[in-house]
Structure formats: structure tokens, C-alpha cells
Amino acid sequence: MLCVMGRKRCSHGKVKANCAACNPCPHGRLKRICADCNPCPHGRRKHHCTDCNGCPHGKLKSNCADCNPCPHSKRKDSCAACNPCPHGKLKRFCADCTGCPHGKLRWRCAECRRASSAR
């Protein structure tokens, strides 16, 4: 099992927790996000249902700035001041922390995405 940037990778080259081959359900999907394996009474995926996992403000708790505030009036997980990388940016938008060999953000690089989908 490879470990890239602190995340364990499976033999399929994917992050182990996000690999449908390593964590399958009978419906051929990733087990934790399958609406058939983890249904809510509202017909949605349970972790995306505002009725099951909602806050009093009508949003998902994780997406609500009122339930997850930071002192900078943002959502805590989206605040570069509360969750900075060493370069002073939000880590997921820092090309130095999550960059690729092509000098771009890995998730925005067409060459890296093409290479990972070919695996």
C-alpha cells in the first residue's frame, strides 16, 4: 500500500477509502455513499440529506457558516486564516502543497486527471 501526501493508496492507485473495488457494495458503488445501502426516508444519500443531517438553518451542518463559524465570518473548513498551509493559503488551493509536476493544482490538471483515470 502506497502512502502519498499522508493518504493511504490501494493497489488500484486510489485513496483506499474512496475505492469502490476495495469498499464495494452489492450495487457496484462505494458502500458509504450508496443510497441503496444507506438510505434515508427521503430517498437521498443519507450524508447529503438536509432533513437527516440538517441544521436549524436549513443547510447541511458541514456547510453552514452559522453552525461551523470561525472568527472571520466564514465556514471554519474554508477559512485560510483558521486552516492555513505553510504558504498562507487554504491548503486545497495551494499549488505548493497539493501541486503536481506540471505546476498546477493536482485536481485541476488535465494531464494528472487523465493519468489517474487510466489506472
PDB file of N, CA and C in Angstrom:
ATOM      1  N   MET A   1       0.846  -1.171   0.000  1.00  0.00           N
ATOM      2  CA  MET A   1       0.000   0.000   0.000  1.00  0.00           C
ATOM      3  C   MET A   1       0.895   1.239   0.000  1.00  0.00           C
ATOM      4  N   LEU A   2       0.722   2.098  -0.958  1.00  0.00           N
ATOM      5  CA  LEU A   2       1.488   3.320  -1.055  1.00  0.00           C
ATOM      6  C   LEU A   2       0.885   4.397  -0.175  1.00  0.00           C
ATOM      7  N   CYS A   3       1.694   5.318   0.270  1.00  0.00           N
ATOM      8  CA  CYS A   3       1.201   6.439   1.053  1.00  0.00           C
ATOM      9  C   CYS A   3       1.664   7.712   0.374  1.00  0.00           C
ATOM     10  N   VAL A   4       0.737   8.453  -0.202  1.00  0.00           N
ATOM     11  CA  VAL A   4       1.058   9.675  -0.905  1.00  0.00           C
ATOM     12  C   VAL A   4       0.388  10.838  -0.195  1.00  0.00           C
ATOM     13  N   MET A   5       1.190  11.824   0.191  1.00  0.00           N
ATOM     14  CA  MET A   5       0.691  13.021   0.875  1.00  0.00           C
ATOM     15  C   MET A   5      -0.155  12.658   2.089  1.00  0.00           C
ATOM     16  N   GLY A   6       0.261  11.643   2.858  1.00  0.00           N
ATOM     17  CA  GLY A   6      -0.430  11.271   4.084  1.00  0.00           C
ATOM     18  C   GLY A   6      -1.685  10.440   3.888  1.00  0.00           C
ATOM     19  N   ARG A   7      -1.990  10.050   2.644  1.00  0.00           N
ATOM     20  CA  ARG A   7      -3.194   9.258   2.383  1.00  0.00           C
ATOM     21  C   ARG A   7      -2.786   7.880   1.897  1.00  0.00           C
ATOM     22  N   LYS A   8      -3.397   6.867   2.467  1.00  0.00           N
ATOM     23  CA  LYS A   8      -3.077   5.500   2.063  1.00  0.00           C
ATOM     24  C   LYS A   8      -3.730   5.186   0.730  1.00  0.00           C
ATOM     25  N   ARG A   9      -2.945   4.623  -0.176  1.00  0.00           N
ATOM     26  CA  ARG A   9      -3.432   4.261  -1.501  1.00  0.00           C
ATOM     27  C   ARG A   9      -3.561   2.748  -1.584  1.00  0.00           C
ATOM     28  N   CYS A  10      -4.560   2.288  -2.327  1.00  0.00           N
ATOM     29  CA  CYS A  10      -4.759   0.858  -2.507  1.00  0.00           C
ATOM     30  C   CYS A  10      -4.002   0.394  -3.746  1.00  0.00           C
ATOM     31  N   SER A  11      -4.102  -0.885  -4.055  1.00  0.00           N
ATOM     32  CA  SER A  11      -3.404  -1.429  -5.220  1.00  0.00           C
ATOM     33  C   SER A  11      -3.997  -0.925  -6.532  1.00  0.00           C
ATOM     34  N   HIS A  12      -5.175  -0.285  -6.483  1.00  0.00           N
ATOM     35  CA  HIS A  12      -5.805   0.270  -7.682  1.00  0.00           C
ATOM     36  C   HIS A  12      -5.347   1.695  -7.953  1.00  0.00           C
ATOM     37  N   GLY A  13      -4.489   2.239  -7.067  1.00  0.00           N
ATOM     38  CA  GLY A  13      -3.957   3.581  -7.234  1.00  0.00           C
ATOM     39  C   GLY A  13      -4.859   4.675  -6.695  1.00  0.00           C
ATOM     40  N   LYS A  14      -5.919   4.310  -5.998  1.00  0.00           N
ATOM     41  CA  LYS A  14      -6.843   5.306  -5.466  1.00  0.00           C
ATOM     42  C   LYS A  14      -6.665   5.407  -3.963  1.00  0.00           C
ATOM     43  N   VAL A  15      -7.171   6.491  -3.381  1.00  0.00           N
ATOM     44  CA  VAL A  15      -7.193   6.590  -1.929  1.00  0.00           C
ATOM     45  C   VAL A  15      -8.085   5.456  -1.433  1.00  0.00           C
ATOM     46  N   LYS A  16      -7.574   4.659  -0.508  1.00  0.00           N
ATOM     47  CA  LYS A  16      -8.240   3.425  -0.099  1.00  0.00           C
ATOM     48  C   LYS A  16      -9.700   3.648   0.320  1.00  0.00           C
ATOM     49  N   ALA A  17      -9.987   4.723   1.047  1.00  0.00           N
ATOM     50  CA  ALA A  17     -11.356   4.973   1.500  1.00  0.00           C
ATOM     51  C   ALA A  17     -12.294   5.323   0.344  1.00  0.00           C
ATOM     52  N   ASN A  18     -11.754   5.751  -0.799  1.00  0.00           N
ATOM     53  CA  ASN A  18     -12.577   6.156  -1.938  1.00  0.00           C
ATOM     54  C   ASN A  18     -12.571   5.145  -3.079  1.00  0.00           C
ATOM     55  N   CYS A  19     -12.106   3.943  -2.841  1.00  0.00           N
ATOM     56  CA  CYS A  19     -12.011   2.937  -3.895  1.00  0.00           C
ATOM     57  C   CYS A  19     -13.222   1.997  -3.839  1.00  0.00           C
ATOM     58  N   ALA A  20     -14.021   2.002  -4.892  1.00  0.00           N
ATOM     59  CA  ALA A  20     -15.207   1.142  -4.942  1.00  0.00           C
ATOM     60  C   ALA A  20     -14.822  -0.328  -5.038  1.00  0.00           C
ATOM     61  N   ALA A  21     -13.633  -0.629  -5.556  1.00  0.00           N
ATOM     62  CA  ALA A  21     -13.194  -2.017  -5.643  1.00  0.00           C
ATOM     63  C   ALA A  21     -12.798  -2.557  -4.263  1.00  0.00           C
ATOM     64  N   CYS A  22     -12.225  -1.706  -3.416  1.00  0.00           N
ATOM     65  CA  CYS A  22     -11.822  -2.126  -2.071  1.00  0.00           C
ATOM     66  C   CYS A  22     -12.983  -2.051  -1.073  1.00  0.00           C
ATOM     67  N   ASN A  23     -13.927  -1.154  -1.284  1.00  0.00           N
ATOM     68  CA  ASN A  23     -15.070  -0.961  -0.388  1.00  0.00           C
ATOM     69  C   ASN A  23     -16.376  -1.087  -1.170  1.00  0.00           C
ATOM     70  N   PRO A  24     -16.631  -2.250  -1.755  1.00  0.00           N
ATOM     71  CA  PRO A  24     -17.801  -2.362  -2.632  1.00  0.00           C
ATOM     72  C   PRO A  24     -19.098  -2.581  -1.874  1.00  0.00           C
ATOM     73  N   CYS A  25     -20.169  -2.280  -2.556  1.00  0.00           N
ATOM     74  CA  CYS A  25     -21.492  -2.660  -2.083  1.00  0.00           C
ATOM     75  C   CYS A  25     -22.087  -3.559  -3.165  1.00  0.00           C
ATOM     76  N   PRO A  26     -23.191  -4.234  -2.912  1.00  0.00           N
ATOM     77  CA  PRO A  26     -23.771  -5.121  -3.930  1.00  0.00           C
ATOM     78  C   PRO A  26     -24.254  -4.386  -5.175  1.00  0.00           C
ATOM     79  N   HIS A  27     -24.327  -3.060  -5.112  1.00  0.00           N
ATOM     80  CA  HIS A  27     -24.824  -2.271  -6.239  1.00  0.00           C
ATOM     81  C   HIS A  27     -23.692  -1.725  -7.110  1.00  0.00           C
ATOM     82  N   GLY A  28     -22.440  -2.092  -6.790  1.00  0.00           N
ATOM     83  CA  GLY A  28     -21.294  -1.667  -7.586  1.00  0.00           C
ATOM     84  C   GLY A  28     -20.833  -0.251  -7.286  1.00  0.00           C
ATOM     85  N   ARG A  29     -21.251   0.296  -6.154  1.00  0.00           N
ATOM     86  CA  ARG A  29     -20.866   1.653  -5.782  1.00  0.00           C
ATOM     87  C   ARG A  29     -19.989   1.615  -4.542  1.00  0.00           C
ATOM     88  N   LEU A  30     -19.467   2.748  -4.175  1.00  0.00           N
ATOM     89  CA  LEU A  30     -18.739   2.870  -2.929  1.00  0.00           C
ATOM     90  C   LEU A  30     -19.756   2.742  -1.798  1.00  0.00           C
ATOM     91  N   LYS A  31     -19.506   1.830  -0.870  1.00  0.00           N
ATOM     92  CA  LYS A  31     -20.506   1.455   0.126  1.00  0.00           C
ATOM     93  C   LYS A  31     -21.003   2.631   0.967  1.00  0.00           C
ATOM     94  N   ARG A  32     -20.113   3.531   1.379  1.00  0.00           N
ATOM     95  CA  ARG A  32     -20.532   4.598   2.279  1.00  0.00           C
ATOM     96  C   ARG A  32     -21.384   5.668   1.615  1.00  0.00           C
ATOM     97  N   ILE A  33     -21.408   5.725   0.272  1.00  0.00           N
ATOM     98  CA  ILE A  33     -22.223   6.738  -0.394  1.00  0.00           C
ATOM     99  C   ILE A  33     -23.349   6.142  -1.238  1.00  0.00           C
ATOM    100  N   CYS A  34     -23.602   4.859  -1.083  1.00  0.00           N
ATOM    101  CA  CYS A  34     -24.664   4.208  -1.851  1.00  0.00           C
ATOM    102  C   CYS A  34     -26.021   4.514  -1.209  1.00  0.00           C
ATOM    103  N   ALA A  35     -26.921   5.094  -1.986  1.00  0.00           N
ATOM    104  CA  ALA A  35     -28.249   5.435  -1.477  1.00  0.00           C
ATOM    105  C   ALA A  35     -29.072   4.186  -1.179  1.00  0.00           C
ATOM    106  N   ASP A  36     -28.757   3.066  -1.846  1.00  0.00           N
ATOM    107  CA  ASP A  36     -29.488   1.827  -1.597  1.00  0.00           C
ATOM    108  C   ASP A  36     -29.010   1.143  -0.313  1.00  0.00           C
ATOM    109  N   CYS A  37     -27.702   1.206  -0.017  1.00  0.00           N
ATOM    110  CA  CYS A  37     -27.165   0.591   1.201  1.00  0.00           C
ATOM    111  C   CYS A  37     -27.375   1.476   2.429  1.00  0.00           C
ATOM    112  N   ASN A  38     -27.343   2.782   2.258  1.00  0.00           N
ATOM    113  CA  ASN A  38     -27.502   3.741   3.354  1.00  0.00           C
ATOM    114  C   ASN A  38     -28.646   4.700   3.047  1.00  0.00           C
ATOM    115  N   PRO A  39     -29.861   4.185   2.969  1.00  0.00           N
ATOM    116  CA  PRO A  39     -30.960   5.067   2.572  1.00  0.00           C
ATOM    117  C   PRO A  39     -31.423   5.961   3.716  1.00  0.00           C
ATOM    118  N   CYS A  40     -31.985   7.069   3.327  1.00  0.00           N
ATOM    119  CA  CYS A  40     -32.699   7.891   4.298  1.00  0.00           C
ATOM    120  C   CYS A  40     -34.171   7.832   3.895  1.00  0.00           C
ATOM    121  N   PRO A  41     -35.076   8.168   4.773  1.00  0.00           N
ATOM    122  CA  PRO A  41     -36.500   8.079   4.431  1.00  0.00           C
ATOM    123  C   PRO A  41     -36.931   9.071   3.349  1.00  0.00           C
ATOM    124  N   HIS A  42     -36.025   9.971   2.953  1.00  0.00           N
ATOM    125  CA  HIS A  42     -36.363  10.992   1.973  1.00  0.00           C
ATOM    126  C   HIS A  42     -35.872  10.640   0.568  1.00  0.00           C
ATOM    127  N   GLY A  43     -35.277   9.449   0.403  1.00  0.00           N
ATOM    128  CA  GLY A  43     -34.833   8.987  -0.901  1.00  0.00           C
ATOM    129  C   GLY A  43     -33.517   9.583  -1.368  1.00  0.00           C
ATOM    130  N   ARG A  44     -32.742  10.124  -0.448  1.00  0.00           N
ATOM    131  CA  ARG A  44     -31.451  10.712  -0.798  1.00  0.00           C
ATOM    132  C   ARG A  44     -30.331   9.901  -0.162  1.00  0.00           C
ATOM    133  N   ARG A  45     -29.102  10.247  -0.506  1.00  0.00           N
ATOM    134  CA  ARG A  45     -27.984   9.669   0.226  1.00  0.00           C
ATOM    135  C   ARG A  45     -27.991  10.284   1.609  1.00  0.00           C
ATOM    136  N   LYS A  46     -27.836   9.467   2.623  1.00  0.00           N
ATOM    137  CA  LYS A  46     -28.025   9.914   3.995  1.00  0.00           C
ATOM    138  C   LYS A  46     -27.114  11.082   4.365  1.00  0.00           C
ATOM    139  N   HIS A  47     -25.855  11.044   3.934  1.00  0.00           N
ATOM    140  CA  HIS A  47     -24.951  12.122   4.338  1.00  0.00           C
ATOM    141  C   HIS A  47     -25.138  13.397   3.513  1.00  0.00           C
ATOM    142  N   HIS A  48     -26.019  13.384   2.509  1.00  0.00           N
ATOM    143  CA  HIS A  48     -26.338  14.593   1.744  1.00  0.00           C
ATOM    144  C   HIS A  48     -27.770  15.051   1.952  1.00  0.00           C
ATOM    145  N   CYS A  49     -28.434  14.538   2.936  1.00  0.00           N
ATOM    146  CA  CYS A  49     -29.838  14.869   3.173  1.00  0.00           C
ATOM    147  C   CYS A  49     -29.944  15.956   4.241  1.00  0.00           C
ATOM    148  N   THR A  50     -30.502  17.108   3.881  1.00  0.00           N
ATOM    149  CA  THR A  50     -30.650  18.190   4.854  1.00  0.00           C
ATOM    150  C   THR A  50     -31.704  17.863   5.900  1.00  0.00           C
ATOM    151  N   ASP A  51     -32.625  16.960   5.574  1.00  0.00           N
ATOM    152  CA  ASP A  51     -33.624  16.566   6.565  1.00  0.00           C
ATOM    153  C   ASP A  51     -33.029  15.653   7.633  1.00  0.00           C
ATOM    154  N   CYS A  52     -32.112  14.742   7.236  1.00  0.00           N
ATOM    155  CA  CYS A  52     -31.477  13.830   8.191  1.00  0.00           C
ATOM    156  C   CYS A  52     -30.281  14.472   8.894  1.00  0.00           C
ATOM    157  N   ASN A  53     -29.445  15.197   8.159  1.00  0.00           N
ATOM    158  CA  ASN A  53     -28.220  15.781   8.703  1.00  0.00           C
ATOM    159  C   ASN A  53     -28.229  17.295   8.628  1.00  0.00           C
ATOM    160  N   GLY A  54     -29.386  17.867   8.686  1.00  0.00           N
ATOM    161  CA  GLY A  54     -29.503  19.307   8.546  1.00  0.00           C
ATOM    162  C   GLY A  54     -29.333  20.048   9.852  1.00  0.00           C
ATOM    163  N   CYS A  55     -29.184  21.344   9.706  1.00  0.00           N
ATOM    164  CA  CYS A  55     -29.091  22.217  10.864  1.00  0.00           C
ATOM    165  C   CYS A  55     -30.376  23.039  10.944  1.00  0.00           C
ATOM    166  N   PRO A  56     -30.562  23.805  11.979  1.00  0.00           N
ATOM    167  CA  PRO A  56     -31.774  24.623  12.090  1.00  0.00           C
ATOM    168  C   PRO A  56     -31.882  25.703  11.011  1.00  0.00           C
ATOM    169  N   HIS A  57     -30.802  25.940  10.280  1.00  0.00           N
ATOM    170  CA  HIS A  57     -30.789  26.981   9.251  1.00  0.00           C
ATOM    171  C   HIS A  57     -31.146  26.437   7.869  1.00  0.00           C
ATOM    172  N   GLY A  58     -31.496  25.144   7.779  1.00  0.00           N
ATOM    173  CA  GLY A  58     -31.920  24.549   6.518  1.00  0.00           C
ATOM    174  C   GLY A  58     -30.788  24.117   5.615  1.00  0.00           C
ATOM    175  N   LYS A  59     -29.578  23.978   6.148  1.00  0.00           N
ATOM    176  CA  LYS A  59     -28.409  23.555   5.369  1.00  0.00           C
ATOM    177  C   LYS A  59     -27.837  22.284   5.992  1.00  0.00           C
ATOM    178  N   LEU A  60     -26.915  21.647   5.273  1.00  0.00           N
ATOM    179  CA  LEU A  60     -26.161  20.567   5.892  1.00  0.00           C
ATOM    180  C   LEU A  60     -25.289  21.189   6.976  1.00  0.00           C
ATOM    181  N   LYS A  61     -25.143  20.503   8.094  1.00  0.00           N
ATOM    182  CA  LYS A  61     -24.359  21.058   9.193  1.00  0.00           C
ATOM    183  C   LYS A  61     -22.947  21.422   8.761  1.00  0.00           C
ATOM    184  N   SER A  62     -22.349  20.608   7.913  1.00  0.00           N
ATOM    185  CA  SER A  62     -20.977  20.872   7.489  1.00  0.00           C
ATOM    186  C   SER A  62     -20.869  22.068   6.550  1.00  0.00           C
ATOM    187  N   ASN A  63     -21.970  22.493   5.936  1.00  0.00           N
ATOM    188  CA  ASN A  63     -21.953  23.617   5.008  1.00  0.00           C
ATOM    189  C   ASN A  63     -22.512  24.903   5.607  1.00  0.00           C
ATOM    190  N   CYS A  64     -22.765  24.934   6.864  1.00  0.00           N
ATOM    191  CA  CYS A  64     -23.423  26.086   7.488  1.00  0.00           C
ATOM    192  C   CYS A  64     -22.403  26.946   8.238  1.00  0.00           C
ATOM    193  N   ALA A  65     -22.287  28.195   7.836  1.00  0.00           N
ATOM    194  CA  ALA A  65     -21.362  29.119   8.497  1.00  0.00           C
ATOM    195  C   ALA A  65     -21.842  29.473   9.904  1.00  0.00           C
ATOM    196  N   ASP A  66     -23.149  29.358  10.155  1.00  0.00           N
ATOM    197  CA  ASP A  66     -23.677  29.657  11.485  1.00  0.00           C
ATOM    198  C   ASP A  66     -23.392  28.517  12.467  1.00  0.00           C
ATOM    199  N   CYS A  67     -23.410  27.262  11.986  1.00  0.00           N
ATOM    200  CA  CYS A  67     -23.144  26.110  12.856  1.00  0.00           C
ATOM    201  C   CYS A  67     -21.647  25.825  12.999  1.00  0.00           C
ATOM    202  N   ASN A  68     -20.844  26.145  11.978  1.00  0.00           N
ATOM    203  CA  ASN A  68     -19.398  25.924  11.991  1.00  0.00           C
ATOM    204  C   ASN A  68     -18.663  27.247  11.785  1.00  0.00           C
ATOM    205  N   PRO A  69     -18.860  28.199  12.698  1.00  0.00           N
ATOM    206  CA  PRO A  69     -18.284  29.517  12.452  1.00  0.00           C
ATOM    207  C   PRO A  69     -16.799  29.587  12.785  1.00  0.00           C
ATOM    208  N   CYS A  70     -16.162  30.548  12.170  1.00  0.00           N
ATOM    209  CA  CYS A  70     -14.814  30.924  12.559  1.00  0.00           C
ATOM    210  C   CYS A  70     -14.879  32.411  12.910  1.00  0.00           C
ATOM    211  N   PRO A  71     -13.859  32.943  13.538  1.00  0.00           N
ATOM    212  CA  PRO A  71     -13.903  34.360  13.903  1.00  0.00           C
ATOM    213  C   PRO A  71     -13.871  35.300  12.691  1.00  0.00           C
ATOM    214  N   HIS A  72     -13.695  34.765  11.503  1.00  0.00           N
ATOM    215  CA  HIS A  72     -13.570  35.586  10.296  1.00  0.00           C
ATOM    216  C   HIS A  72     -14.851  35.580   9.467  1.00  0.00           C
ATOM    217  N   SER A  73     -15.957  35.113  10.024  1.00  0.00           N
ATOM    218  CA  SER A  73     -17.275  35.073   9.380  1.00  0.00           C
ATOM    219  C   SER A  73     -17.315  34.175   8.152  1.00  0.00           C
ATOM    220  N   LYS A  74     -16.597  33.064   8.212  1.00  0.00           N
ATOM    221  CA  LYS A  74     -16.608  32.079   7.134  1.00  0.00           C
ATOM    222  C   LYS A  74     -16.886  30.720   7.744  1.00  0.00           C
ATOM    223  N   ARG A  75     -17.054  29.710   6.876  1.00  0.00           N
ATOM    224  CA  ARG A  75     -17.101  28.340   7.376  1.00  0.00           C
ATOM    225  C   ARG A  75     -15.700  27.991   7.835  1.00  0.00           C
ATOM    226  N   LYS A  76     -15.600  27.322   8.956  1.00  0.00           N
ATOM    227  CA  LYS A  76     -14.293  27.047   9.535  1.00  0.00           C
ATOM    228  C   LYS A  76     -13.385  26.248   8.594  1.00  0.00           C
ATOM    229  N   ASP A  77     -13.947  25.268   7.859  1.00  0.00           N
ATOM    230  CA  ASP A  77     -13.106  24.457   6.978  1.00  0.00           C
ATOM    231  C   ASP A  77     -12.719  25.194   5.699  1.00  0.00           C
ATOM    232  N   SER A  78     -13.318  26.359   5.422  1.00  0.00           N
ATOM    233  CA  SER A  78     -12.999  27.130   4.225  1.00  0.00           C
ATOM    234  C   SER A  78     -12.273  28.434   4.544  1.00  0.00           C
ATOM    235  N   CYS A  79     -11.737  28.542   5.717  1.00  0.00           N
ATOM    236  CA  CYS A  79     -11.056  29.768   6.131  1.00  0.00           C
ATOM    237  C   CYS A  79      -9.546  29.559   6.114  1.00  0.00           C
ATOM    238  N   ALA A  80      -8.852  30.333   5.291  1.00  0.00           N
ATOM    239  CA  ALA A  80      -7.396  30.210   5.191  1.00  0.00           C
ATOM    240  C   ALA A  80      -6.708  30.672   6.469  1.00  0.00           C
ATOM    241  N   ALA A  81      -7.341  31.546   7.230  1.00  0.00           N
ATOM    242  CA  ALA A  81      -6.747  32.008   8.476  1.00  0.00           C
ATOM    243  C   ALA A  81      -6.861  30.944   9.577  1.00  0.00           C
ATOM    244  N   CYS A  82      -7.962  30.173   9.589  1.00  0.00           N
ATOM    245  CA  CYS A  82      -8.151  29.123  10.602  1.00  0.00           C
ATOM    246  C   CYS A  82      -7.452  27.820  10.216  1.00  0.00           C
ATOM    247  N   ASN A  83      -7.367  27.501   8.919  1.00  0.00           N
ATOM    248  CA  ASN A  83      -6.764  26.260   8.422  1.00  0.00           C
ATOM    249  C   ASN A  83      -5.725  26.565   7.352  1.00  0.00           C
ATOM    250  N   PRO A  84      -4.660  27.264   7.713  1.00  0.00           N
ATOM    251  CA  PRO A  84      -3.703  27.651   6.675  1.00  0.00           C
ATOM    252  C   PRO A  84      -2.712  26.540   6.353  1.00  0.00           C
ATOM    253  N   CYS A  85      -2.131  26.647   5.185  1.00  0.00           N
ATOM    254  CA  CYS A  85      -0.974  25.829   4.853  1.00  0.00           C
ATOM    255  C   CYS A  85       0.238  26.687   5.189  1.00  0.00           C
ATOM    256  N   PRO A  86       1.438  26.163   5.118  1.00  0.00           N
ATOM    257  CA  PRO A  86       2.618  26.985   5.435  1.00  0.00           C
ATOM    258  C   PRO A  86       2.793  28.182   4.491  1.00  0.00           C
ATOM    259  N   HIS A  87       2.084  28.208   3.395  1.00  0.00           N
ATOM    260  CA  HIS A  87       2.221  29.280   2.412  1.00  0.00           C
ATOM    261  C   HIS A  87       1.145  30.347   2.578  1.00  0.00           C
ATOM    262  N   GLY A  88       0.312  30.242   3.626  1.00  0.00           N
ATOM    263  CA  GLY A  88      -0.693  31.243   3.928  1.00  0.00           C
ATOM    264  C   GLY A  88      -1.970  31.133   3.120  1.00  0.00           C
ATOM    265  N   LYS A  89      -2.178  29.998   2.459  1.00  0.00           N
ATOM    266  CA  LYS A  89      -3.386  29.793   1.657  1.00  0.00           C
ATOM    267  C   LYS A  89      -4.202  28.659   2.253  1.00  0.00           C
ATOM    268  N   LEU A  90      -5.385  28.481   1.746  1.00  0.00           N
ATOM    269  CA  LEU A  90      -6.168  27.309   2.099  1.00  0.00           C
ATOM    270  C   LEU A  90      -5.493  26.130   1.406  1.00  0.00           C
ATOM    271  N   LYS A  91      -5.204  25.075   2.144  1.00  0.00           N
ATOM    272  CA  LYS A  91      -4.354  24.005   1.638  1.00  0.00           C
ATOM    273  C   LYS A  91      -4.841  23.418   0.319  1.00  0.00           C
ATOM    274  N   ARG A  92      -6.148  23.227   0.137  1.00  0.00           N
ATOM    275  CA  ARG A  92      -6.627  22.611  -1.090  1.00  0.00           C
ATOM    276  C   ARG A  92      -6.471  23.514  -2.310  1.00  0.00           C
ATOM    277  N   PHE A  93      -6.193  24.816  -2.091  1.00  0.00           N
ATOM    278  CA  PHE A  93      -5.975  25.734  -3.196  1.00  0.00           C
ATOM    279  C   PHE A  93      -4.517  26.168  -3.328  1.00  0.00           C
ATOM    280  N   CYS A  94      -3.623  25.508  -2.631  1.00  0.00           N
ATOM    281  CA  CYS A  94      -2.204  25.851  -2.671  1.00  0.00           C
ATOM    282  C   CYS A  94      -1.470  24.921  -3.638  1.00  0.00           C
ATOM    283  N   ALA A  95      -0.898  25.480  -4.683  1.00  0.00           N
ATOM    284  CA  ALA A  95      -0.182  24.671  -5.671  1.00  0.00           C
ATOM    285  C   ALA A  95       1.087  24.073  -5.080  1.00  0.00           C
ATOM    286  N   ASP A  96       1.647  24.695  -4.042  1.00  0.00           N
ATOM    287  CA  ASP A  96       2.851  24.143  -3.410  1.00  0.00           C
ATOM    288  C   ASP A  96       2.525  22.919  -2.559  1.00  0.00           C
ATOM    289  N   CYS A  97       1.379  22.933  -1.873  1.00  0.00           N
ATOM    290  CA  CYS A  97       1.002  21.795  -1.012  1.00  0.00           C
ATOM    291  C   CYS A  97       0.339  20.666  -1.792  1.00  0.00           C
ATOM    292  N   THR A  98      -0.527  20.992  -2.739  1.00  0.00           N
ATOM    293  CA  THR A  98      -1.257  19.960  -3.479  1.00  0.00           C
ATOM    294  C   THR A  98      -0.974  20.070  -4.969  1.00  0.00           C
ATOM    295  N   GLY A  99       0.234  20.472  -5.278  1.00  0.00           N
ATOM    296  CA  GLY A  99       0.607  20.660  -6.679  1.00  0.00           C
ATOM    297  C   GLY A  99       0.994  19.375  -7.372  1.00  0.00           C
ATOM    298  N   CYS A 100       1.101  19.476  -8.667  1.00  0.00           N
ATOM    299  CA  CYS A 100       1.506  18.343  -9.494  1.00  0.00           C
ATOM    300  C   CYS A 100       2.823  18.694 -10.175  1.00  0.00           C
ATOM    301  N   PRO A 101       3.432  17.748 -10.867  1.00  0.00           N
ATOM    302  CA  PRO A 101       4.697  18.037 -11.552  1.00  0.00           C
ATOM    303  C   PRO A 101       4.557  19.069 -12.670  1.00  0.00           C
ATOM    304  N   HIS A 102       3.331  19.369 -13.057  1.00  0.00           N
ATOM    305  CA  HIS A 102       3.104  20.318 -14.147  1.00  0.00           C
ATOM    306  C   HIS A 102       2.912  21.742 -13.639  1.00  0.00           C
ATOM    307  N   GLY A 103       3.050  21.950 -12.326  1.00  0.00           N
ATOM    308  CA  GLY A 103       2.949  23.279 -11.748  1.00  0.00           C
ATOM    309  C   GLY A 103       1.531  23.763 -11.532  1.00  0.00           C
ATOM    310  N   LYS A 104       0.561  22.853 -11.507  1.00  0.00           N
ATOM    311  CA  LYS A 104      -0.840  23.232 -11.321  1.00  0.00           C
ATOM    312  C   LYS A 104      -1.383  22.532 -10.087  1.00  0.00           C
ATOM    313  N   LEU A 105      -2.588  22.903  -9.695  1.00  0.00           N
ATOM    314  CA  LEU A 105      -3.262  22.148  -8.654  1.00  0.00           C
ATOM    315  C   LEU A 105      -3.585  20.776  -9.225  1.00  0.00           C
ATOM    316  N   ARG A 106      -3.303  19.730  -8.482  1.00  0.00           N
ATOM    317  CA  ARG A 106      -3.448  18.366  -8.992  1.00  0.00           C
ATOM    318  C   ARG A 106      -4.868  18.091  -9.495  1.00  0.00           C
ATOM    319  N   TRP A 107      -5.883  18.572  -8.773  1.00  0.00           N
ATOM    320  CA  TRP A 107      -7.265  18.296  -9.167  1.00  0.00           C
ATOM    321  C   TRP A 107      -7.706  19.130 -10.363  1.00  0.00           C
ATOM    322  N   ARG A 108      -6.919  20.152 -10.742  1.00  0.00           N
ATOM    323  CA  ARG A 108      -7.256  20.950 -11.919  1.00  0.00           C
ATOM    324  C   ARG A 108      -6.399  20.615 -13.133  1.00  0.00           C
ATOM    325  N   CYS A 109      -5.429  19.755 -12.980  1.00  0.00           N
ATOM    326  CA  CYS A 109      -4.500  19.430 -14.061  1.00  0.00           C
ATOM    327  C   CYS A 109      -5.082  18.325 -14.943  1.00  0.00           C
ATOM    328  N   ALA A 110      -5.290  18.634 -16.202  1.00  0.00           N
ATOM    329  CA  ALA A 110      -5.873  17.664 -17.136  1.00  0.00           C
ATOM    330  C   ALA A 110      -4.954  16.466 -17.327  1.00  0.00           C
ATOM    331  N   GLU A 111      -3.645  16.695 -17.338  1.00  0.00           N
ATOM    332  CA  GLU A 111      -2.697  15.592 -17.540  1.00  0.00           C
ATOM    333  C   GLU A 111      -2.712  14.625 -16.363  1.00  0.00           C
ATOM    334  N   CYS A 112      -2.753  15.136 -15.147  1.00  0.00           N
ATOM    335  CA  CYS A 112      -2.780  14.265 -13.962  1.00  0.00           C
ATOM    336  C   CYS A 112      -4.110  13.513 -13.862  1.00  0.00           C
ATOM    337  N   ARG A 113      -5.212  14.191 -14.182  1.00  0.00           N
ATOM    338  CA  ARG A 113      -6.514  13.521 -14.137  1.00  0.00           C
ATOM    339  C   ARG A 113      -6.568  12.416 -15.183  1.00  0.00           C
ATOM    340  N   ARG A 114      -6.032  12.684 -16.374  1.00  0.00           N
ATOM    341  CA  ARG A 114      -6.020  11.675 -17.431  1.00  0.00           C
ATOM    342  C   ARG A 114      -5.181  10.476 -17.010  1.00  0.00           C
ATOM    343  N   ALA A 115      -4.044  10.731 -16.378  1.00  0.00           N
ATOM    344  CA  ALA A 115      -3.161   9.641 -15.935  1.00  0.00           C
ATOM    345  C   ALA A 115      -3.815   8.817 -14.826  1.00  0.00           C
ATOM    346  N   SER A 116      -4.547   9.463 -13.899  1.00  0.00           N
ATOM    347  CA  SER A 116      -5.166   8.709 -12.812  1.00  0.00           C
ATOM    348  C   SER A 116      -6.386   7.932 -13.294  1.00  0.00           C
ATOM    349  N   SER A 117      -7.069   8.408 -14.312  1.00  0.00           N
ATOM    350  CA  SER A 117      -8.227   7.662 -14.825  1.00  0.00           C
ATOM    351  C   SER A 117      -7.798   6.477 -15.683  1.00  0.00           C
ATOM    352  N   ALA A 118      -6.562   6.489 -16.183  1.00  0.00           N
ATOM    353  CA  ALA A 118      -6.065   5.389 -16.996  1.00  0.00           C
ATOM    354  C   ALA A 118      -5.649   4.199 -16.145  1.00  0.00           C
ATOM    355  N   ARG A 119      -5.514   4.391 -14.822  1.00  0.00           N
ATOM    356  CA  ARG A 119      -5.077   3.306 -13.931  1.00  0.00           C
ATOM    357  C   ARG A 119      -6.118   2.262 -13.780  1.00  0.00           C
TER     358      ARG A 119
END
